[in-house]
C-alpha cells in the first residue's frame, strides 16, 4: 500500500487516513493485487514486448473499467531500472523537475516503487507507490516523479490522448 509524507505539516499520514487524505487532495487511488502475474515475470529486469503484453493482459478487466469510467484510450508499460535503462539518469533528470500535464497522469505499479511529489490544495506531499498501487494525478497538478533508492519500477501507464507522456515544465528544477 502507498505511503504518504505530508511535507507541509512534516508528518507521515497513517495508513488508516491514506485514502481520505488522497481523496481530499483530488488524487484517485486503488489497489490491484499483482499476484496474478508470475513473480518471475514481475521481477525480471527486462521485458520483451510479448512479456509486457502478458502483464498488461493480466489486468485487462481493471484497465477496461478505467477506460470506460475515466475515458482513457490507450495504455502501455514502462520499465525503468539500472540494468535495462542505460539512460536512466537522463530520464530521471526530466522526471525530477516540477511539471504538469494536460491530462491525468495514471500509473499502476506492477513491481518496484516510485515517489510522486505533488502540490495540491496548498499542500506539498510525497506519495510513495509500490507494487499493486494505482495512482491518478489530476491534469494540471504541479508534481514530479522519481524512483526510490532501489532504482526499479515497472508500471502500466494509462492515457486520455494518443500523445502519451507530455510534460509542461516549470522553470524551477527540483534540488
C-alpha atoms as a PDB file:
ATOM      1  CA  UNK A   1       0.000   0.000   0.000  1.00  0.00           C
ATOM      2  CA  UNK A   2       1.161   3.505  -0.812  1.00  0.00           C
ATOM      3  CA  UNK A   3       2.710   5.728   1.859  1.00  0.00           C
ATOM      4  CA  UNK A   4       2.192   9.478   2.166  1.00  0.00           C
ATOM      5  CA  UNK A   5       4.504  12.017   3.741  1.00  0.00           C
ATOM      6  CA  UNK A   6       2.914  15.454   4.168  1.00  0.00           C
ATOM      7  CA  UNK A   7       5.815  17.875   3.654  1.00  0.00           C
ATOM      8  CA  UNK A   8       3.676  20.896   4.524  1.00  0.00           C
ATOM      9  CA  UNK A   9       2.910  19.571   8.013  1.00  0.00           C
ATOM     10  CA  UNK A  10       6.090  17.446   8.239  1.00  0.00           C
ATOM     11  CA  UNK A  11       4.337  14.207   9.175  1.00  0.00           C
ATOM     12  CA  UNK A  12       3.621  10.713   7.906  1.00  0.00           C
ATOM     13  CA  UNK A  13      -0.020  10.113   7.056  1.00  0.00           C
ATOM     14  CA  UNK A  14      -1.239   6.977   8.893  1.00  0.00           C
ATOM     15  CA  UNK A  15      -2.329   4.078   6.652  1.00  0.00           C
ATOM     16  CA  UNK A  16      -5.882   4.408   8.017  1.00  0.00           C
ATOM     17  CA  UNK A  17      -6.002   8.003   6.689  1.00  0.00           C
ATOM     18  CA  UNK A  18      -4.314   7.366   3.319  1.00  0.00           C
ATOM     19  CA  UNK A  19      -7.391   7.200   1.086  1.00  0.00           C
ATOM     20  CA  UNK A  20      -9.254  10.088   2.795  1.00  0.00           C
ATOM     21  CA  UNK A  21      -6.081  12.225   2.568  1.00  0.00           C
ATOM     22  CA  UNK A  22      -5.552  11.474  -1.123  1.00  0.00           C
ATOM     23  CA  UNK A  23      -9.256  11.924  -1.908  1.00  0.00           C
ATOM     24  CA  UNK A  24      -9.293  15.299  -0.129  1.00  0.00           C
ATOM     25  CA  UNK A  25      -6.437  16.334  -2.437  1.00  0.00           C
ATOM     26  CA  UNK A  26      -8.228  15.108  -5.583  1.00  0.00           C
ATOM     27  CA  UNK A  27      -5.975  12.066  -6.039  1.00  0.00           C
ATOM     28  CA  UNK A  28      -7.615   8.815  -7.187  1.00  0.00           C
ATOM     29  CA  UNK A  29      -6.053   5.708  -5.615  1.00  0.00           C
ATOM     30  CA  UNK A  30      -6.777   1.983  -5.995  1.00  0.00           C
ATOM     31  CA  UNK A  31      -5.022  -1.231  -5.035  1.00  0.00           C
ATOM     32  CA  UNK A  32      -4.905  -4.125  -7.533  1.00  0.00           C
ATOM     33  CA  UNK A  33      -3.239  -7.374  -6.369  1.00  0.00           C
ATOM     34  CA  UNK A  34      -0.267  -8.244  -8.586  1.00  0.00           C
ATOM     35  CA  UNK A  35      -0.116 -11.955  -7.734  1.00  0.00           C
ATOM     36  CA  UNK A  36      -1.942 -12.835 -10.970  1.00  0.00           C
ATOM     37  CA  UNK A  37       1.350 -12.114 -12.765  1.00  0.00           C
ATOM     38  CA  UNK A  38       4.030 -14.766 -12.130  1.00  0.00           C
ATOM     39  CA  UNK A  39       6.735 -13.442  -9.802  1.00  0.00           C
ATOM     40  CA  UNK A  40       9.444 -14.340 -12.315  1.00  0.00           C
ATOM     41  CA  UNK A  41       7.795 -12.047 -14.864  1.00  0.00           C
ATOM     42  CA  UNK A  42       7.151  -9.262 -12.338  1.00  0.00           C
ATOM     43  CA  UNK A  43      10.743  -9.191 -11.133  1.00  0.00           C
ATOM     44  CA  UNK A  44      12.646  -9.559 -14.436  1.00  0.00           C
ATOM     45  CA  UNK A  45      14.804  -6.523 -15.172  1.00  0.00           C
ATOM     46  CA  UNK A  46      13.844  -6.512 -18.859  1.00  0.00           C
ATOM     47  CA  UNK A  47      10.591  -7.465 -20.557  1.00  0.00           C
ATOM     48  CA  UNK A  48      10.065  -8.200 -24.225  1.00  0.00           C
ATOM     49  CA  UNK A  49       7.054  -6.668 -25.976  1.00  0.00           C
ATOM     50  CA  UNK A  50       5.319 -10.048 -25.661  1.00  0.00           C
ATOM     51  CA  UNK A  51       6.038 -10.215 -21.919  1.00  0.00           C
ATOM     52  CA  UNK A  52       4.817  -6.647 -21.416  1.00  0.00           C
ATOM     53  CA  UNK A  53       1.626  -7.574 -23.253  1.00  0.00           C
ATOM     54  CA  UNK A  54       1.150 -10.593 -20.971  1.00  0.00           C
ATOM     55  CA  UNK A  55       1.482  -8.372 -17.889  1.00  0.00           C
ATOM     56  CA  UNK A  56      -0.987  -5.827 -19.284  1.00  0.00           C
ATOM     57  CA  UNK A  57      -3.454  -8.591 -20.224  1.00  0.00           C
ATOM     58  CA  UNK A  58      -3.457  -9.817 -16.601  1.00  0.00           C
ATOM     59  CA  UNK A  59      -5.127  -6.512 -15.647  1.00  0.00           C
ATOM     60  CA  UNK A  60      -7.469  -6.322 -18.629  1.00  0.00           C
ATOM     61  CA  UNK A  61     -10.718  -6.086 -16.643  1.00  0.00           C
ATOM     62  CA  UNK A  62      -9.387  -3.230 -14.476  1.00  0.00           C
ATOM     63  CA  UNK A  63      -7.960  -1.411 -17.500  1.00  0.00           C
ATOM     64  CA  UNK A  64     -11.267  -1.741 -19.351  1.00  0.00           C
ATOM     65  CA  UNK A  65     -13.151  -0.369 -16.331  1.00  0.00           C
ATOM     66  CA  UNK A  66     -10.749   2.565 -16.016  1.00  0.00           C
ATOM     67  CA  UNK A  67     -11.108   3.293 -19.734  1.00  0.00           C
ATOM     68  CA  UNK A  68     -14.895   3.164 -19.518  1.00  0.00           C
ATOM     69  CA  UNK A  69     -15.163   5.193 -16.300  1.00  0.00           C
ATOM     70  CA  UNK A  70     -12.459   7.807 -16.925  1.00  0.00           C
ATOM     71  CA  UNK A  71     -12.059   7.997 -20.695  1.00  0.00           C
ATOM     72  CA  UNK A  72      -8.586   6.501 -21.076  1.00  0.00           C
ATOM     73  CA  UNK A  73      -7.989   5.481 -24.678  1.00  0.00           C
ATOM     74  CA  UNK A  74      -4.562   3.858 -24.565  1.00  0.00           C
ATOM     75  CA  UNK A  75      -2.044   2.289 -22.234  1.00  0.00           C
ATOM     76  CA  UNK A  76       1.489   0.984 -22.297  1.00  0.00           C
ATOM     77  CA  UNK A  77       4.151  -0.263 -19.937  1.00  0.00           C
ATOM     78  CA  UNK A  78       7.329   1.386 -18.764  1.00  0.00           C
ATOM     79  CA  UNK A  79      10.272  -0.496 -17.243  1.00  0.00           C
ATOM     80  CA  UNK A  80      12.934   1.601 -15.535  1.00  0.00           C
ATOM     81  CA  UNK A  81      15.963   0.222 -13.705  1.00  0.00           C
ATOM     82  CA  UNK A  82      19.748   0.419 -13.686  1.00  0.00           C
ATOM     83  CA  UNK A  83      20.134  -2.768 -15.744  1.00  0.00           C
ATOM     84  CA  UNK A  84      17.769  -2.274 -18.679  1.00  0.00           C
ATOM     85  CA  UNK A  85      17.632   1.529 -18.856  1.00  0.00           C
ATOM     86  CA  UNK A  86      21.074   2.800 -19.886  1.00  0.00           C
ATOM     87  CA  UNK A  87      19.878   6.428 -19.923  1.00  0.00           C
ATOM     88  CA  UNK A  88      18.156   6.183 -16.512  1.00  0.00           C
ATOM     89  CA  UNK A  89      19.941   9.226 -15.064  1.00  0.00           C
ATOM     90  CA  UNK A  90      18.892  11.355 -18.054  1.00  0.00           C
ATOM     91  CA  UNK A  91      15.269  10.164 -17.853  1.00  0.00           C
ATOM     92  CA  UNK A  92      15.117  10.825 -14.115  1.00  0.00           C
ATOM     93  CA  UNK A  93      16.545  14.307 -14.657  1.00  0.00           C
ATOM     94  CA  UNK A  94      13.472  15.031 -16.817  1.00  0.00           C
ATOM     95  CA  UNK A  95      11.052  13.419 -14.377  1.00  0.00           C
ATOM     96  CA  UNK A  96      12.576  15.136 -11.318  1.00  0.00           C
ATOM     97  CA  UNK A  97      11.586  18.625 -12.426  1.00  0.00           C
ATOM     98  CA  UNK A  98       8.267  20.124 -11.401  1.00  0.00           C
ATOM     99  CA  UNK A  99       5.833  19.866 -14.273  1.00  0.00           C
ATOM    100  CA  UNK A 100       2.169  19.456 -15.172  1.00  0.00           C
ATOM    101  CA  UNK A 101       0.215  17.532 -17.785  1.00  0.00           C
ATOM    102  CA  UNK A 102      -2.833  18.393 -19.865  1.00  0.00           C
ATOM    103  CA  UNK A 103      -4.312  15.009 -18.925  1.00  0.00           C
ATOM    104  CA  UNK A 104      -4.358  12.859 -15.794  1.00  0.00           C
ATOM    105  CA  UNK A 105      -1.114  11.005 -15.060  1.00  0.00           C
ATOM    106  CA  UNK A 106      -2.152   7.453 -14.210  1.00  0.00           C
ATOM    107  CA  UNK A 107       0.313   4.795 -13.108  1.00  0.00           C
ATOM    108  CA  UNK A 108      -0.274   1.253 -11.913  1.00  0.00           C
ATOM    109  CA  UNK A 109       2.848  -0.179 -10.272  1.00  0.00           C
ATOM    110  CA  UNK A 110       3.469  -3.817 -11.208  1.00  0.00           C
ATOM    111  CA  UNK A 111       6.872  -4.076  -9.499  1.00  0.00           C
ATOM    112  CA  UNK A 112       9.318  -1.796  -7.721  1.00  0.00           C
ATOM    113  CA  UNK A 113       8.496   1.611  -6.289  1.00  0.00           C
ATOM    114  CA  UNK A 114       8.471   5.303  -7.085  1.00  0.00           C
ATOM    115  CA  UNK A 115       7.711   8.612  -5.433  1.00  0.00           C
ATOM    116  CA  UNK A 116       5.318  11.266  -6.698  1.00  0.00           C
ATOM    117  CA  UNK A 117       5.851  14.664  -5.080  1.00  0.00           C
ATOM    118  CA  UNK A 118       2.622  16.607  -5.504  1.00  0.00           C
ATOM    119  CA  UNK A 119       1.429  20.136  -4.869  1.00  0.00           C
ATOM    120  CA  UNK A 120      -2.353  20.171  -4.338  1.00  0.00           C
ATOM    121  CA  UNK A 121      -4.804  22.240  -2.321  1.00  0.00           C
ATOM    122  CA  UNK A 122      -1.930  24.306  -0.898  1.00  0.00           C
ATOM    123  CA  UNK A 123      -0.073  21.226   0.376  1.00  0.00           C
ATOM    124  CA  UNK A 124       3.178  19.621  -0.742  1.00  0.00           C
ATOM    125  CA  UNK A 125       3.344  15.862  -0.163  1.00  0.00           C
ATOM    126  CA  UNK A 126       5.100  12.683  -1.297  1.00  0.00           C
ATOM    127  CA  UNK A 127       3.201   9.562  -2.327  1.00  0.00           C
ATOM    128  CA  UNK A 128       5.442   6.506  -2.444  1.00  0.00           C
ATOM    129  CA  UNK A 129       3.790   3.868  -4.614  1.00  0.00           C
ATOM    130  CA  UNK A 130       4.580   0.154  -4.558  1.00  0.00           C
ATOM    131  CA  UNK A 131       3.503  -2.970  -6.452  1.00  0.00           C
ATOM    132  CA  UNK A 132      -0.293  -3.049  -6.601  1.00  0.00           C
ATOM    133  CA  UNK A 133      -0.811   0.711  -6.234  1.00  0.00           C
ATOM    134  CA  UNK A 134      -2.672   2.710  -8.860  1.00  0.00           C
ATOM    135  CA  UNK A 135      -2.500   6.485  -8.615  1.00  0.00           C
ATOM    136  CA  UNK A 136      -4.150   9.096 -10.799  1.00  0.00           C
ATOM    137  CA  UNK A 137      -2.659  12.576 -10.576  1.00  0.00           C
ATOM    138  CA  UNK A 138      -5.235  15.060 -11.933  1.00  0.00           C
ATOM    139  CA  UNK A 139      -4.411  17.101 -15.018  1.00  0.00           C
ATOM    140  CA  UNK A 140      -2.764  20.412 -14.202  1.00  0.00           C
ATOM    141  CA  UNK A 141      -1.282  19.183 -10.897  1.00  0.00           C
ATOM    142  CA  UNK A 142       2.214  20.509 -10.226  1.00  0.00           C
ATOM    143  CA  UNK A 143       4.349  17.459  -9.438  1.00  0.00           C
ATOM    144  CA  UNK A 144       7.425  15.392 -10.178  1.00  0.00           C
ATOM    145  CA  UNK A 145       8.327  11.700 -10.054  1.00  0.00           C
ATOM    146  CA  UNK A 146      11.440   9.818  -9.046  1.00  0.00           C
ATOM    147  CA  UNK A 147      12.432   6.299  -8.164  1.00  0.00           C
ATOM    148  CA  UNK A 148      13.159   5.072  -4.670  1.00  0.00           C
ATOM    149  CA  UNK A 149      16.697   4.024  -3.741  1.00  0.00           C
ATOM    150  CA  UNK A 150      16.049   0.610  -5.363  1.00  0.00           C
ATOM    151  CA  UNK A 151      16.029   2.375  -8.755  1.00  0.00           C
ATOM    152  CA  UNK A 152      13.431  -0.035 -10.147  1.00  0.00           C
ATOM    153  CA  UNK A 153       9.848   0.298 -11.327  1.00  0.00           C
ATOM    154  CA  UNK A 154       7.543  -1.455 -13.767  1.00  0.00           C
ATOM    155  CA  UNK A 155       4.345   0.460 -14.381  1.00  0.00           C
ATOM    156  CA  UNK A 156       1.337   0.411 -16.661  1.00  0.00           C
ATOM    157  CA  UNK A 157       0.534   3.914 -17.867  1.00  0.00           C
ATOM    158  CA  UNK A 158      -2.953   4.986 -18.943  1.00  0.00           C
ATOM    159  CA  UNK A 159      -3.575   7.903 -21.298  1.00  0.00           C
ATOM    160  CA  UNK A 160      -6.545  10.048 -22.327  1.00  0.00           C
ATOM    161  CA  UNK A 161      -4.886  11.046 -25.622  1.00  0.00           C
ATOM    162  CA  UNK A 162      -2.652   9.269 -28.115  1.00  0.00           C
ATOM    163  CA  UNK A 163       0.183  11.728 -27.366  1.00  0.00           C
ATOM    164  CA  UNK A 164       1.458   9.714 -24.391  1.00  0.00           C
ATOM    165  CA  UNK A 165       3.565  11.300 -21.653  1.00  0.00           C
ATOM    166  CA  UNK A 166       3.941  15.023 -22.383  1.00  0.00           C
ATOM    167  CA  UNK A 167       5.263  17.283 -19.628  1.00  0.00           C
ATOM    168  CA  UNK A 168       4.723  21.016 -19.308  1.00  0.00           C
ATOM    169  CA  UNK A 169       7.739  22.060 -17.237  1.00  0.00           C
ATOM    170  CA  UNK A 170       8.048  24.801 -14.661  1.00  0.00           C
ATOM    171  CA  UNK A 171      11.225  26.835 -14.815  1.00  0.00           C
ATOM    172  CA  UNK A 172      12.115  25.579 -11.342  1.00  0.00           C
ATOM    173  CA  UNK A 173      14.183  22.372 -11.108  1.00  0.00           C
ATOM    174  CA  UNK A 174      13.945  20.029  -8.148  1.00  0.00           C
ATOM    175  CA  UNK A 175      17.015  20.161  -5.946  1.00  0.00           C
END
